[in-house]
Amino acid sequence: MKEVLIKEYNNLKKTTLESKIGDYVFKLNFINNCTLEILGEKEGKFNVQFINQDNGKIVYETTITNNMWTKCTKQYFINYLVKVKDVNSGKLVYEHLYNAKGKKVYIHFASKAIGDTLAWFPYAEEFRKKHNCDLIVSTFYNEWFEENYPNIKFIKPGTEVFDLYAMYEVGWHYNENNTINYETNPSDFRKYSLQECSADVLGIDYNELKPNLTFTNNGSTIDGKYVVIAPHGSAHAKYWNHPGGWQSVIDYLNNKGYKVVMITKEPLGDEWHDSKLGGTLTGVIDKTGDYSLAERANDMMNAEFFIGIGSGLSWLNWALNKKTILISGFSAPFSEFKDCERIFTPDLNTCNSCYNKEKLDPGDWEWCPKNKNTEKQFECTKSIHPELIIKAIERVKNS
């Protein structure tokens, strides 16, 4: 991943806006940040201001001489007004208002995660429409979007890109000490929904948006009505850890006449994976293993509804505009999407929402920052009783 991003930056060919005014040449670009260079043989001294047009505040101000450059360290979208004054005369010698209309803008999504990509992508299209720019986008899953977004040019991460006016990268960025990097993210992305990170970085007003995906419905592969479940995730903290919870829900669905299809990549019948669910689940149709996402999408599109945790498959079901029941206690209710039946830790005095307070350590499967190796480990979801999910099922059935 790191190597891909390094190649991404190395393949950018910066074509700056160049203006010759009097004895000086002013070179400006908005690639990752706002950078201005002033060239000229005549000795000069200049006051440079990078101003946010939306609120009139000076984002960065400095004084440089000719044959020097300066830049603002902020890498997210700012609606810049750049002003340069001759220090000696006080005259305005250069001015530029950000205007991406008809210009090439490049947006890169820095995560390979399914949920991140589905959550963040819609705001690239909103940026294109707002600025009427020639938009270039790179994701790790271009095939999910390309056909349905003809006004966007899709490229693979690491592809050479030329003649850019601006570039932005959407992602969660931390400093080495695990604090938020506010040079790349304008605010603490843990304090709002995953989707808002993209809107925030790109300067778009947030409203929950679903991507227009290219997956097609090829018809059901299961006879009769069925429900899809996806109980596995990338960290134990994401799981519904109530003992016997999943089996209780499966039994209830079977008794109500529903088949239950399990679609996770993690295999059913594997002792280690099954142990995270309280044992090998019974009463399910086993479609676990290495299926394509298109096949997963097809099963979702023909299901009555979906039950999952805070994982990419839950985001996929949501993006397909299908009924979703989402179980989570490690993330606050606002963290994922609104269009779902969200089941959360019932007693707020119980430890919950560590995802919104700490940096997840993906290398620590048993990550539980407050209660690891105690009887309270994962109490956020252990406290979610199957009856809460059953009530949600009845609401979804009747909706």
Protein backbone atom coordinates (compact mmCIF):
# COMPACT_ATOMS: atom_id res chain seq x y z
CA MET A 1 0.00 0.00 0.00
CA LYS A 2 2.74 2.44 1.02
CA GLU A 3 4.68 1.67 -2.17
CA VAL A 4 1.60 2.38 -4.30
CA LEU A 5 1.10 5.78 -2.68
CA ILE A 6 4.77 6.69 -3.12
CA LYS A 7 4.50 5.79 -6.82
CA GLU A 8 1.32 7.87 -6.98
CA TYR A 9 3.12 11.01 -5.86
CA ASN A 10 6.21 10.36 -7.97
CA ASN A 11 4.07 10.05 -11.09
CA LEU A 12 2.44 13.45 -10.70
CA LYS A 13 3.65 15.87 -13.35
CA LYS A 14 3.02 19.33 -12.00
CA THR A 15 1.97 21.94 -14.51
CA THR A 16 1.78 25.18 -12.58
CA LEU A 17 -0.22 28.26 -13.43
CA GLU A 18 2.39 30.66 -14.73
CA SER A 19 1.80 34.40 -14.93
CA LYS A 20 4.38 37.00 -15.97
CA ILE A 21 3.63 40.34 -14.37
CA GLY A 22 6.18 43.11 -14.73
CA ASP A 23 9.63 41.82 -13.87
CA TYR A 24 8.40 38.64 -12.17
CA VAL A 25 6.94 35.25 -12.97
CA PHE A 26 4.41 33.79 -10.52
CA LYS A 27 3.99 30.00 -10.52
CA LEU A 28 1.06 28.56 -8.60
CA ASN A 29 -0.47 25.10 -8.12
CA PHE A 30 -2.93 23.37 -5.78
CA ILE A 31 -1.42 19.89 -5.86
CA ASN A 32 -1.66 18.51 -2.30
CA ASN A 33 -1.38 22.06 -1.00
CA CYS A 34 -1.21 25.62 -2.28
CA THR A 35 2.30 26.39 -3.53
CA LEU A 36 3.56 29.68 -4.98
CA GLU A 37 6.96 30.42 -6.51
CA ILE A 38 8.14 33.90 -7.55
CA LEU A 39 10.91 34.14 -10.13
CA GLY A 40 12.74 37.16 -11.49
CA GLU A 41 16.14 38.80 -11.74
CA LYS A 42 15.16 42.09 -10.15
CA GLU A 43 15.49 42.06 -6.37
CA GLY A 44 12.09 42.18 -4.68
CA LYS A 45 10.33 41.43 -1.42
CA PHE A 46 6.76 40.16 -1.29
CA ASN A 47 4.02 39.60 1.25
CA VAL A 48 2.11 36.41 0.35
CA GLN A 49 -1.34 35.61 1.72
CA PHE A 50 -3.29 32.40 1.23
CA ILE A 51 -6.89 33.34 2.13
CA ASN A 52 -9.98 31.18 2.53
CA GLN A 53 -12.55 32.89 0.29
CA ASP A 54 -15.45 31.30 2.18
CA ASN A 55 -14.74 33.00 5.49
CA GLY A 56 -12.15 35.66 4.63
CA LYS A 57 -9.60 34.23 7.06
CA ILE A 58 -5.90 34.13 6.26
CA VAL A 59 -4.86 30.47 6.22
CA TYR A 60 -1.15 31.26 5.85
CA GLU A 61 0.91 34.41 5.44
CA THR A 62 4.62 34.93 4.90
CA THR A 63 7.19 37.22 3.28
CA ILE A 64 9.59 35.96 0.64
CA THR A 65 11.96 37.42 -1.91
CA ASN A 66 12.17 36.65 -5.60
CA ASN A 67 13.46 33.20 -6.61
CA MET A 68 11.85 31.65 -3.55
CA TRP A 69 8.75 29.55 -3.04
CA THR A 70 6.28 29.12 -0.22
CA LYS A 71 3.36 26.83 0.46
CA CYS A 72 0.51 26.24 2.86
CA THR A 73 0.78 22.89 4.63
CA LYS A 74 -2.97 22.20 4.48
CA GLN A 75 -3.62 19.43 1.96
CA TYR A 76 -7.42 19.32 1.96
CA PHE A 77 -9.67 21.54 -0.17
CA ILE A 78 -9.66 25.23 0.67
CA ASN A 79 -11.34 27.77 -1.59
CA TYR A 80 -8.21 29.85 -1.91
CA LEU A 81 -7.65 33.46 -2.76
CA VAL A 82 -3.92 34.08 -3.25
CA LYS A 83 -2.66 37.65 -2.86
CA VAL A 84 0.86 38.95 -3.31
CA LYS A 85 1.88 42.50 -2.40
CA ASP A 86 5.16 44.26 -3.06
CA VAL A 87 6.45 45.02 0.43
CA ASN A 88 8.24 48.20 -0.63
CA SER A 89 5.37 49.79 -2.57
CA GLY A 90 2.43 48.11 -0.83
CA LYS A 91 0.87 47.44 -4.24
CA LEU A 92 -0.97 44.23 -5.10
CA VAL A 93 1.18 42.61 -7.80
CA TYR A 94 -0.51 39.21 -8.13
CA GLU A 95 -3.91 37.71 -7.32
CA HIS A 96 -5.54 34.37 -8.07
CA LEU A 97 -8.96 33.03 -7.07
CA TYR A 98 -9.32 29.25 -7.01
CA ASN A 99 -11.35 28.21 -10.05
CA ALA A 100 -11.24 24.59 -11.21
CA LYS A 101 -13.80 25.01 -14.00
CA GLY A 102 -12.58 23.15 -17.08
CA LYS A 103 -9.30 22.22 -15.37
CA LYS A 104 -7.89 18.84 -14.39
CA VAL A 105 -8.39 17.87 -10.76
CA TYR A 106 -7.21 14.56 -9.34
CA ILE A 107 -8.81 12.82 -6.34
CA HIS A 108 -7.14 9.75 -4.88
CA PHE A 109 -8.74 7.42 -2.33
CA ALA A 110 -6.02 6.16 -0.02
CA SER A 111 -7.78 3.10 1.40
CA LYS A 112 -8.29 -0.40 0.00
CA ALA A 113 -11.12 -1.10 2.44
CA ILE A 114 -14.49 -1.86 0.85
CA GLY A 115 -16.44 0.27 3.31
CA ASP A 116 -14.12 3.27 3.01
CA THR A 117 -14.30 3.21 -0.78
CA LEU A 118 -18.09 2.91 -0.91
CA ALA A 119 -18.53 5.60 1.73
CA TRP A 120 -16.12 8.13 0.25
CA PHE A 121 -16.63 7.85 -3.49
CA PRO A 122 -19.95 9.74 -3.92
CA TYR A 123 -18.33 13.02 -2.90
CA ALA A 124 -15.88 12.88 -5.78
CA GLU A 125 -18.83 13.19 -8.16
CA GLU A 126 -20.27 15.98 -6.02
CA PHE A 127 -16.94 17.80 -6.27
CA ARG A 128 -16.97 17.42 -10.06
CA LYS A 129 -20.46 18.83 -10.32
CA LYS A 130 -19.78 21.70 -7.92
CA HIS A 131 -16.60 22.86 -9.67
CA ASN A 132 -17.41 21.76 -13.24
CA CYS A 133 -13.87 20.40 -13.51
CA ASP A 134 -12.29 17.61 -15.55
CA LEU A 135 -12.08 15.06 -12.76
CA ILE A 136 -9.63 12.18 -12.54
CA VAL A 137 -10.16 9.58 -9.81
CA SER A 138 -8.15 6.60 -8.64
CA THR A 139 -9.59 3.93 -6.37
CA PHE A 140 -8.54 0.34 -5.86
CA TYR A 141 -11.93 -0.75 -7.26
CA ASN A 142 -12.63 1.42 -10.29
CA GLU A 143 -14.75 -1.32 -11.85
CA TRP A 144 -17.47 -0.73 -9.24
CA PHE A 145 -18.12 2.79 -10.55
CA GLU A 146 -16.61 3.41 -13.96
CA GLU A 147 -19.55 2.52 -16.21
CA ASN A 148 -22.00 4.64 -14.21
CA TYR A 149 -19.85 7.78 -13.95
CA PRO A 150 -19.00 8.66 -17.56
CA ASN A 151 -17.89 12.20 -16.68
CA ILE A 152 -15.06 10.95 -14.47
CA LYS A 153 -11.79 9.58 -15.82
CA PHE A 154 -10.74 6.57 -13.74
CA ILE A 155 -7.11 5.53 -13.42
CA LYS A 156 -5.28 2.90 -11.41
CA PRO A 157 -3.37 4.06 -8.34
CA GLY A 158 0.19 4.91 -9.32
CA THR A 159 -0.66 5.94 -12.90
CA GLU A 160 1.12 8.99 -14.33
CA VAL A 161 -1.04 12.11 -14.23
CA PHE A 162 -0.25 15.30 -16.17
CA ASP A 163 -1.38 18.93 -16.31
CA LEU A 164 -3.13 19.07 -12.96
CA TYR A 165 -4.65 22.18 -11.48
CA ALA A 166 -5.30 20.54 -8.10
CA MET A 167 -5.05 17.23 -6.26
CA TYR A 168 -6.66 15.88 -3.08
CA GLU A 169 -6.28 12.63 -1.17
CA VAL A 170 -9.15 11.25 0.89
CA GLY A 171 -8.18 9.12 3.88
CA TRP A 172 -7.71 8.86 7.60
CA HIS A 173 -4.28 10.25 8.44
CA TYR A 174 -2.49 10.09 11.77
CA ASN A 175 0.80 11.50 12.99
CA GLU A 176 3.48 9.13 14.29
CA ASN A 177 2.26 9.70 17.85
CA ASN A 178 -1.25 8.54 16.81
CA THR A 179 -2.78 12.02 16.96
CA ILE A 180 -4.92 13.27 14.08
CA ASN A 181 -2.96 14.85 11.23
CA TYR A 182 -4.79 18.14 10.82
CA GLU A 183 -2.71 19.04 7.79
CA THR A 184 -4.48 16.34 5.76
CA ASN A 185 -7.84 16.26 7.57
CA PRO A 186 -9.61 19.48 8.55
CA SER A 187 -11.23 17.93 11.65
CA ASP A 188 -11.26 14.80 13.80
CA PHE A 189 -12.75 12.17 11.50
CA ARG A 190 -13.55 9.92 14.48
CA LYS A 191 -16.19 12.37 15.68
CA TYR A 192 -18.53 12.03 12.69
CA SER A 193 -19.65 9.45 10.15
CA LEU A 194 -17.20 7.71 7.86
CA GLN A 195 -18.80 9.36 4.83
CA GLU A 196 -18.22 12.83 6.22
CA CYS A 197 -14.46 12.36 6.03
CA SER A 198 -14.65 12.57 2.24
CA ALA A 199 -17.07 15.48 2.23
CA ASP A 200 -14.84 17.27 4.75
CA VAL A 201 -11.61 16.81 2.79
CA LEU A 202 -13.23 17.84 -0.50
CA GLY A 203 -15.14 20.83 0.85
CA ILE A 204 -18.60 19.40 0.09
CA ASP A 205 -21.67 19.90 2.27
CA TYR A 206 -22.45 16.56 3.87
CA ASN A 207 -25.60 14.64 3.09
CA GLU A 208 -25.66 10.84 3.18
CA LEU A 209 -25.14 9.68 -0.40
CA LYS A 210 -25.01 6.22 -1.93
CA PRO A 211 -22.75 5.40 -4.86
CA ASN A 212 -24.23 4.21 -8.15
CA LEU A 213 -22.63 0.79 -8.42
CA THR A 214 -22.20 -1.32 -11.55
CA PHE A 215 -23.17 -4.67 -9.98
CA THR A 216 -26.03 -6.37 -11.82
CA ASN A 217 -28.83 -8.56 -10.50
CA ASN A 218 -28.57 -11.92 -12.26
CA GLY A 219 -31.40 -13.51 -10.30
CA SER A 220 -31.52 -15.49 -7.11
CA THR A 221 -29.34 -18.56 -6.64
CA ILE A 222 -31.37 -19.58 -3.57
CA ASP A 223 -34.85 -21.12 -3.75
CA GLY A 224 -37.37 -19.38 -1.53
CA LYS A 225 -37.04 -16.34 0.68
CA TYR A 226 -33.81 -15.87 2.54
CA VAL A 227 -31.79 -13.51 4.71
CA VAL A 228 -28.08 -12.80 4.28
CA ILE A 229 -25.78 -12.61 7.30
CA ALA A 230 -22.14 -11.48 7.52
CA PRO A 231 -20.96 -12.01 11.11
CA HIS A 232 -17.19 -11.71 10.58
CA GLY A 233 -15.00 -8.60 10.54
CA SER A 234 -11.40 -7.44 10.44
CA ALA A 235 -11.07 -7.06 14.24
CA HIS A 236 -12.58 -8.93 17.14
CA ALA A 237 -13.89 -5.64 18.53
CA LYS A 238 -16.20 -5.35 15.51
CA TYR A 239 -17.94 -8.65 16.23
CA TRP A 240 -21.27 -9.21 17.94
CA ASN A 241 -19.77 -10.96 20.96
CA HIS A 242 -22.94 -11.95 22.83
CA PRO A 243 -22.60 -15.71 23.59
CA GLY A 244 -24.80 -17.70 21.24
CA GLY A 245 -26.24 -14.54 19.74
CA TRP A 246 -25.93 -15.43 16.08
CA GLN A 247 -27.30 -18.94 16.54
CA SER A 248 -30.33 -17.57 18.39
CA VAL A 249 -31.11 -15.20 15.52
CA ILE A 250 -30.59 -17.92 12.90
CA ASP A 251 -32.94 -20.25 14.75
CA TYR A 252 -35.56 -17.51 14.94
CA LEU A 253 -35.32 -16.79 11.21
CA ASN A 254 -35.51 -20.49 10.32
CA ASN A 255 -38.62 -20.86 12.49
CA LYS A 256 -40.18 -17.92 10.62
CA GLY A 257 -39.63 -19.66 7.28
CA TYR A 258 -36.48 -17.87 6.17
CA LYS A 259 -33.38 -19.54 4.87
CA VAL A 260 -30.18 -17.93 6.18
CA VAL A 261 -27.22 -17.48 3.85
CA MET A 262 -23.79 -16.77 5.33
CA ILE A 263 -21.54 -14.94 2.86
CA THR A 264 -18.29 -14.00 4.63
CA LYS A 265 -14.87 -14.76 3.20
CA GLU A 266 -13.99 -16.31 6.56
CA PRO A 267 -14.96 -19.98 6.18
CA LEU A 268 -17.70 -21.77 8.05
CA GLY A 269 -16.34 -24.92 9.68
CA ASP A 270 -12.94 -23.44 10.47
CA GLU A 271 -12.41 -23.91 14.21
CA TRP A 272 -10.65 -20.59 14.84
CA HIS A 273 -13.17 -18.48 12.93
CA ASP A 274 -16.14 -20.41 14.30
CA SER A 275 -14.90 -19.83 17.85
CA LYS A 276 -15.42 -16.07 17.38
CA LEU A 277 -19.12 -16.77 16.75
CA GLY A 278 -19.58 -19.09 19.71
CA GLY A 279 -19.09 -22.28 17.69
CA THR A 280 -19.99 -23.57 14.22
CA LEU A 281 -23.28 -22.03 13.16
CA THR A 282 -26.03 -24.41 12.08
CA GLY A 283 -29.14 -23.81 10.04
CA VAL A 284 -27.28 -21.71 7.46
CA ILE A 285 -26.56 -22.08 3.77
CA ASP A 286 -22.79 -21.94 3.50
CA LYS A 287 -21.61 -19.46 0.89
CA THR A 288 -18.49 -18.51 2.81
CA GLY A 289 -15.08 -18.47 1.18
CA ASP A 290 -13.57 -16.87 -1.88
CA TYR A 291 -16.52 -15.50 -3.85
CA SER A 292 -16.32 -12.35 -5.96
CA LEU A 293 -17.92 -9.18 -4.66
CA ALA A 294 -20.26 -9.30 -7.66
CA GLU A 295 -21.57 -12.65 -6.42
CA ARG A 296 -21.95 -11.25 -2.92
CA ALA A 297 -23.87 -8.30 -4.33
CA ASN A 298 -26.15 -10.62 -6.30
CA ASP A 299 -27.04 -12.59 -3.18
CA MET A 300 -27.76 -9.32 -1.34
CA MET A 301 -29.95 -7.94 -4.10
CA ASN A 302 -32.21 -11.00 -3.97
CA ALA A 303 -32.36 -11.33 -0.19
CA GLU A 304 -35.19 -10.10 2.03
CA PHE A 305 -32.71 -8.21 4.18
CA PHE A 306 -29.18 -8.33 5.58
CA ILE A 307 -27.73 -8.58 9.09
CA GLY A 308 -24.11 -7.65 9.69
CA ILE A 309 -21.57 -5.74 11.74
CA GLY A 310 -19.39 -2.73 10.98
CA SER A 311 -17.78 -4.29 7.92
CA GLY A 312 -17.43 -3.72 4.19
CA LEU A 313 -20.26 -6.14 3.39
CA SER A 314 -22.66 -4.05 5.48
CA TRP A 315 -21.58 -0.99 3.50
CA LEU A 316 -22.13 -2.91 0.25
CA ASN A 317 -25.67 -3.90 1.21
CA TRP A 318 -26.41 -0.27 2.17
CA ALA A 319 -24.94 0.97 -1.12
CA LEU A 320 -27.20 -1.46 -3.02
CA ASN A 321 -30.16 0.22 -1.28
CA LYS A 322 -31.16 -2.98 0.50
CA LYS A 323 -32.54 -3.30 4.02
CA THR A 324 -29.70 -3.47 6.52
CA ILE A 325 -29.55 -4.42 10.20
CA LEU A 326 -26.19 -3.34 11.61
CA ILE A 327 -24.91 -4.51 15.02
CA SER A 328 -22.09 -2.60 16.66
CA GLY A 329 -20.94 -1.31 20.01
CA PHE A 330 -17.32 -0.49 19.31
CA SER A 331 -18.43 2.36 17.01
CA ALA A 332 -20.89 5.10 17.97
CA PRO A 333 -24.28 5.07 16.20
CA PHE A 334 -23.31 7.99 13.94
CA SER A 335 -20.17 6.24 12.67
CA GLU A 336 -21.69 4.28 9.82
CA PHE A 337 -24.76 5.08 7.72
CA LYS A 338 -28.18 6.32 8.83
CA ASP A 339 -30.26 4.27 6.39
CA CYS A 340 -30.38 1.08 8.47
CA GLU A 341 -31.70 -0.54 11.62
CA ARG A 342 -28.81 0.18 13.95
CA ILE A 343 -28.48 -2.01 17.08
CA PHE A 344 -26.17 -0.47 19.67
CA THR A 345 -25.03 -1.12 23.24
CA PRO A 346 -28.31 -0.80 25.22
CA ASP A 347 -26.81 0.61 28.42
CA LEU A 348 -24.65 3.68 27.77
CA ASN A 349 -22.95 3.12 31.13
CA THR A 350 -21.37 0.09 29.46
CA CYS A 351 -18.05 0.77 27.74
CA ASN A 352 -18.65 1.56 24.07
CA SER A 353 -17.46 3.53 21.01
CA CYS A 354 -13.70 3.00 21.42
CA TYR A 355 -13.46 3.35 17.63
CA ASN A 356 -14.38 7.01 18.04
CA LYS A 357 -11.85 7.67 20.79
CA GLU A 358 -8.74 5.63 20.00
CA LYS A 359 -6.71 4.61 16.97
CA LEU A 360 -7.50 1.01 16.11
CA ASP A 361 -4.44 -1.22 16.10
CA PRO A 362 -5.06 -3.57 13.13
CA GLY A 363 -2.19 -5.79 14.23
CA ASP A 364 -3.86 -6.57 17.56
CA TRP A 365 -6.77 -8.93 16.96
CA GLU A 366 -7.91 -8.63 20.57
CA TRP A 367 -7.72 -4.82 20.57
CA CYS A 368 -9.94 -3.45 23.30
CA PRO A 369 -8.17 -0.32 24.57
CA LYS A 370 -9.86 -0.07 27.97
CA ASN A 371 -10.83 -3.61 28.97
CA LYS A 372 -8.50 -6.00 27.15
CA ASN A 373 -7.78 -9.22 29.08
CA THR A 374 -10.50 -8.49 31.64
CA GLU A 375 -14.00 -9.88 32.09
CA LYS A 376 -15.30 -6.66 30.54
CA GLN A 377 -13.48 -7.12 27.23
CA PHE A 378 -15.92 -6.44 24.36
CA GLU A 379 -18.75 -5.75 26.81
CA CYS A 380 -20.14 -3.25 24.30
CA THR A 381 -21.53 -6.03 22.11
CA LYS A 382 -21.70 -8.80 24.71
CA SER A 383 -24.49 -6.70 26.25
CA ILE A 384 -26.55 -6.71 23.02
CA HIS A 385 -29.16 -9.43 23.58
CA PRO A 386 -30.58 -11.40 20.61
CA GLU A 387 -34.04 -10.06 21.48
CA LEU A 388 -32.90 -6.62 20.25
CA ILE A 389 -31.98 -8.07 16.87
CA ILE A 390 -35.23 -10.03 16.69
CA LYS A 391 -37.20 -6.84 17.30
CA ALA A 392 -35.22 -5.14 14.54
CA ILE A 393 -36.02 -8.05 12.21
CA GLU A 394 -39.73 -7.56 12.85
CA ARG A 395 -39.44 -3.83 12.14
CA VAL A 396 -37.58 -4.50 8.89
CA LYS A 397 -40.06 -7.18 7.81
CA ASN A 398 -42.92 -4.75 8.28
CA SER A 399 -41.26 -1.74 6.66
